[in-house]
Protein backbone atom coordinates (compact mmCIF):
# COMPACT_ATOMS: atom_id res chain seq x y z
CA UNK A 1 107.63 -34.16 54.87
CA UNK A 2 110.54 -31.79 54.66
CA UNK A 3 109.84 -29.14 56.74
CA UNK A 4 113.05 -26.70 55.97
CA UNK A 5 115.18 -27.01 53.44
CA UNK A 6 117.31 -25.39 51.34
CA UNK A 7 118.73 -25.99 47.78
CA UNK A 8 122.19 -24.44 46.90
CA UNK A 9 122.70 -25.36 43.02
CA UNK A 10 121.45 -23.70 40.31
CA UNK A 11 119.78 -26.86 38.87
CA UNK A 12 118.54 -29.09 40.61
CA UNK A 13 115.78 -31.75 41.28
CA UNK A 14 114.58 -33.24 44.87
CA UNK A 15 111.69 -35.10 46.27
CA UNK A 16 109.57 -34.31 49.15
CA UNK A 17 106.77 -36.18 50.59
CA UNK A 18 103.30 -34.68 51.51
CA UNK A 19 101.03 -37.13 53.26
CA UNK A 20 102.94 -40.16 51.82
CA UNK A 21 103.04 -38.37 48.42
CA UNK A 22 105.97 -37.88 46.48
CA UNK A 23 106.46 -34.56 44.98
CA UNK A 24 109.33 -33.78 42.75
CA UNK A 25 110.43 -29.79 42.88
CA UNK A 26 113.10 -28.29 40.40
CA UNK A 27 114.99 -24.94 40.98
CA UNK A 28 116.73 -23.59 37.59
CA UNK A 29 118.41 -20.06 37.28
CA UNK A 30 117.35 -18.97 33.60
CA UNK A 31 119.93 -16.32 32.91
CA UNK A 32 118.08 -13.21 31.62
CA UNK A 33 115.47 -15.41 30.21
CA UNK A 34 113.27 -13.41 27.79
CA UNK A 35 111.67 -13.63 24.43
CA UNK A 36 115.16 -12.90 22.98
CA UNK A 37 116.33 -16.37 24.16
CA UNK A 38 114.38 -18.62 21.32
CA UNK A 39 117.36 -20.50 20.84
CA UNK A 40 117.56 -21.90 24.27
CA UNK A 41 113.97 -22.92 24.33
CA UNK A 42 114.62 -26.65 22.77
CA UNK A 43 117.44 -26.95 25.34
CA UNK A 44 114.91 -26.36 28.39
CA UNK A 45 112.57 -28.36 27.14
CA UNK A 46 114.66 -31.08 26.69
CA UNK A 47 115.45 -31.38 30.27
CA UNK A 48 112.51 -30.54 31.14
CA UNK A 49 110.98 -33.50 29.16
CA UNK A 50 113.16 -36.03 30.95
CA UNK A 51 112.90 -34.79 34.53
CA UNK A 52 109.05 -33.77 34.59
CA UNK A 53 108.90 -32.02 37.86
CA UNK A 54 105.78 -31.23 39.81
CA UNK A 55 107.06 -27.82 40.72
CA UNK A 56 109.35 -25.79 38.85
CA UNK A 57 111.10 -22.81 40.10
CA UNK A 58 112.86 -20.33 37.70
CA UNK A 59 115.09 -17.22 38.74
CA UNK A 60 116.40 -14.58 36.09
CA UNK A 61 113.57 -14.10 34.41
CA UNK A 62 113.20 -10.57 32.47
CA UNK A 63 109.54 -9.26 33.96
CA UNK A 64 106.22 -10.59 33.08
CA UNK A 65 107.45 -11.04 29.55
CA UNK A 66 110.01 -13.42 30.37
CA UNK A 67 107.80 -15.20 32.74
CA UNK A 68 105.10 -15.98 30.11
CA UNK A 69 107.01 -16.61 27.57
CA UNK A 70 108.97 -19.38 29.47
CA UNK A 71 105.15 -20.77 30.24
CA UNK A 72 104.15 -20.76 26.63
CA UNK A 73 107.38 -21.33 24.78
CA UNK A 74 109.56 -23.66 27.08
CA UNK A 75 106.55 -25.41 28.85
CA UNK A 76 103.80 -24.97 26.37
CA UNK A 77 101.44 -24.08 28.94
CA UNK A 78 101.42 -27.86 30.26
CA UNK A 79 102.13 -26.33 33.77
CA UNK A 80 100.00 -24.02 35.82
CA UNK A 81 101.89 -20.39 36.53
CA UNK A 82 101.66 -19.19 40.29
CA UNK A 83 100.67 -15.51 40.58
CA UNK A 84 103.53 -13.21 39.37
CA UNK A 85 105.38 -10.24 40.56
CA UNK A 86 107.31 -8.09 38.47
CA UNK A 87 110.34 -6.63 41.10
CA UNK A 88 112.90 -4.21 40.17
CA UNK A 89 115.49 -6.66 38.66
CA UNK A 90 115.13 -10.01 37.01
CA UNK A 91 112.30 -11.96 38.75
CA UNK A 92 111.28 -15.40 40.33
CA UNK A 93 108.71 -17.58 38.81
CA UNK A 94 106.98 -20.97 39.82
CA UNK A 95 105.49 -23.01 37.48
CA UNK A 96 103.22 -26.22 38.90
CA UNK A 97 101.03 -29.38 37.91
CA UNK A 98 97.66 -28.37 39.41
CA UNK A 99 96.23 -31.58 39.46
CA UNK A 100 99.09 -32.05 42.70
CA UNK A 101 99.02 -28.14 43.73
CA UNK A 102 97.06 -25.06 43.88
CA UNK A 103 99.05 -21.79 43.98
CA UNK A 104 97.33 -19.29 45.80
CA UNK A 105 99.89 -16.68 46.90
CA UNK A 106 103.16 -14.85 45.59
CA UNK A 107 104.55 -12.55 48.59
CA UNK A 108 107.57 -10.43 47.78
CA UNK A 109 110.38 -10.17 50.29
CA UNK A 110 112.06 -6.91 49.46
CA UNK A 111 115.89 -6.69 49.71
CA UNK A 112 118.26 -3.73 47.99
CA UNK A 113 119.14 -5.90 45.06
CA UNK A 114 115.81 -8.17 43.98
CA UNK A 115 113.13 -9.58 45.78
CA UNK A 116 113.11 -12.99 47.47
CA UNK A 117 109.75 -14.82 46.15
CA UNK A 118 107.49 -16.52 48.53
CA UNK A 119 105.04 -18.96 46.91
CA UNK A 120 102.74 -20.28 48.72
CA UNK A 121 101.12 -23.58 47.50
CA UNK A 122 98.41 -26.15 48.79
CA UNK A 123 98.51 -29.76 48.23
CA UNK A 124 95.33 -30.96 46.79
CA UNK A 125 95.02 -34.18 48.16
CA UNK A 126 96.28 -33.86 51.90
CA UNK A 127 95.62 -29.85 52.37
CA UNK A 128 98.95 -29.20 53.50
CA UNK A 129 100.30 -25.78 52.95
CA UNK A 130 104.09 -25.66 51.48
CA UNK A 131 105.77 -22.04 51.14
CA UNK A 132 108.49 -22.11 48.44
CA UNK A 133 111.35 -19.54 48.70
CA UNK A 134 113.14 -18.67 45.51
CA UNK A 135 116.15 -16.63 45.73
CA UNK A 136 119.03 -15.01 43.33
CA UNK A 137 121.55 -13.54 46.09
CA UNK A 138 124.18 -11.30 45.06
CA UNK A 139 126.89 -12.65 43.06
CA UNK A 140 131.05 -12.37 42.77
CA UNK A 141 133.27 -12.93 45.60
CA UNK A 142 134.83 -9.90 48.44
CA UNK A 143 133.61 -9.11 51.86
CA UNK A 144 130.93 -6.70 50.20
CA UNK A 145 129.61 -9.16 48.69
CA UNK A 146 129.24 -11.42 51.16
CA UNK A 147 127.75 -8.87 53.44
CA UNK A 148 125.03 -8.36 51.00
CA UNK A 149 124.06 -11.48 50.61
CA UNK A 150 123.94 -12.00 54.44
CA UNK A 151 121.76 -8.97 54.56
CA UNK A 152 119.37 -10.84 51.93
CA UNK A 153 119.09 -14.04 54.16
CA UNK A 154 118.87 -12.10 57.12
CA UNK A 155 115.47 -10.65 55.03
CA UNK A 156 114.50 -14.41 54.45
CA UNK A 157 114.80 -15.33 57.72
CA UNK A 158 112.84 -12.85 59.49
CA UNK A 159 109.90 -14.08 57.19
CA UNK A 160 110.65 -17.96 58.18
CA UNK A 161 111.46 -17.35 61.71
CA UNK A 162 107.56 -15.81 62.02
CA UNK A 163 106.00 -18.63 60.14
CA UNK A 164 103.76 -20.90 62.40
CA UNK A 165 104.77 -23.76 64.21
CA UNK A 166 105.06 -26.73 62.12
CA UNK A 167 104.99 -25.05 58.68
CA UNK A 168 106.58 -26.73 55.44
CA UNK A 169 108.89 -24.66 53.45
CA UNK A 170 111.95 -25.00 51.44
CA UNK A 171 114.17 -22.44 49.97
CA UNK A 172 115.94 -22.74 46.44
CA UNK A 173 117.69 -20.84 43.77
CA UNK A 174 120.95 -19.41 42.79
CA UNK A 175 122.71 -18.79 46.15
CA UNK A 176 126.19 -17.56 45.04
CA UNK A 177 127.57 -19.00 48.29
CA UNK A 178 131.41 -19.71 47.53
CA UNK A 179 131.95 -21.72 50.54
CA UNK A 180 130.48 -23.28 54.02
CA UNK A 181 132.21 -20.00 56.14
CA UNK A 182 129.93 -17.50 54.41
CA UNK A 183 128.17 -15.59 56.93
CA UNK A 184 125.02 -15.87 54.59
CA UNK A 185 125.08 -19.86 54.35
CA UNK A 186 125.86 -20.33 58.30
CA UNK A 187 122.89 -17.75 58.61
CA UNK A 188 120.32 -20.22 57.00
CA UNK A 189 121.28 -23.13 59.45
CA UNK A 190 121.26 -21.14 62.70
CA UNK A 191 118.94 -22.73 64.84
CA UNK A 192 118.44 -19.20 67.33
CA UNK A 193 114.71 -19.18 65.76
CA UNK A 194 112.13 -21.46 64.37
CA UNK A 195 112.87 -20.47 60.70
CA UNK A 196 116.33 -21.93 60.06
CA UNK A 197 116.93 -24.35 57.10
CA UNK A 198 118.82 -28.11 56.78
CA UNK A 199 121.23 -28.29 54.09
CA UNK A 200 120.73 -31.75 52.41
CA UNK A 201 124.42 -32.13 51.06
CA UNK A 202 126.28 -30.47 54.08
CA UNK A 203 129.84 -29.82 52.91
CA UNK A 204 132.69 -28.34 54.56
CA UNK A 205 135.35 -25.95 52.45
CA UNK A 206 135.66 -23.82 49.70
CA UNK A 207 132.94 -25.30 46.83
CA UNK A 208 134.18 -23.15 43.57
CA UNK A 209 137.16 -25.80 43.01
CA UNK A 210 137.14 -29.08 41.05
CA UNK A 211 136.93 -31.01 44.02
CA UNK A 212 133.22 -30.34 44.04
CA UNK A 213 132.62 -31.30 40.68
CA UNK A 214 130.15 -34.04 41.22
CA UNK A 215 128.31 -31.74 43.42
CA UNK A 216 128.31 -28.87 41.00
């Protein structure tokens, strides 16, 4: 089981292992998704029908309406929806295979931009608890925006550093990091507390250029 992992891509699928059982987990920024996005529904369905994740984490949903519409229109309610918290900007939602998991809680981590969501799930077979953190950090380059992303990561680290020993957790979403030198990215990796993260694709340099196209 991967204990502390983070996924930096907007759209990504990864396999986890809980007590020998393989679980696929996916994240997707849905770009201000709500009932006005009917023309995009079929495209979401094409991707999801192919990948069929056990856990799907979605960012940039427009409140409860957007989260419920994604659940019904895109997923056809074939996956269960975790407890939803309507924050003060666009929101995160988590959908899951209820034969594999039970979602017991959604704990918002408040930042000055939008919530980071802590979804708490229990694996049905093993009884293991998995915490899934969904982030959508401040966009755009520049020192001011880098510092705002760092502030958001610090809010996350306050929570993960306080987790019980041997906790299983993963963070995923839209980080908006531009390079490996960003202070927010480096803060995720710092092992000065128990709540640090491991990047499964560790790459140096500035990422928003053609040399990294295969990873994008």
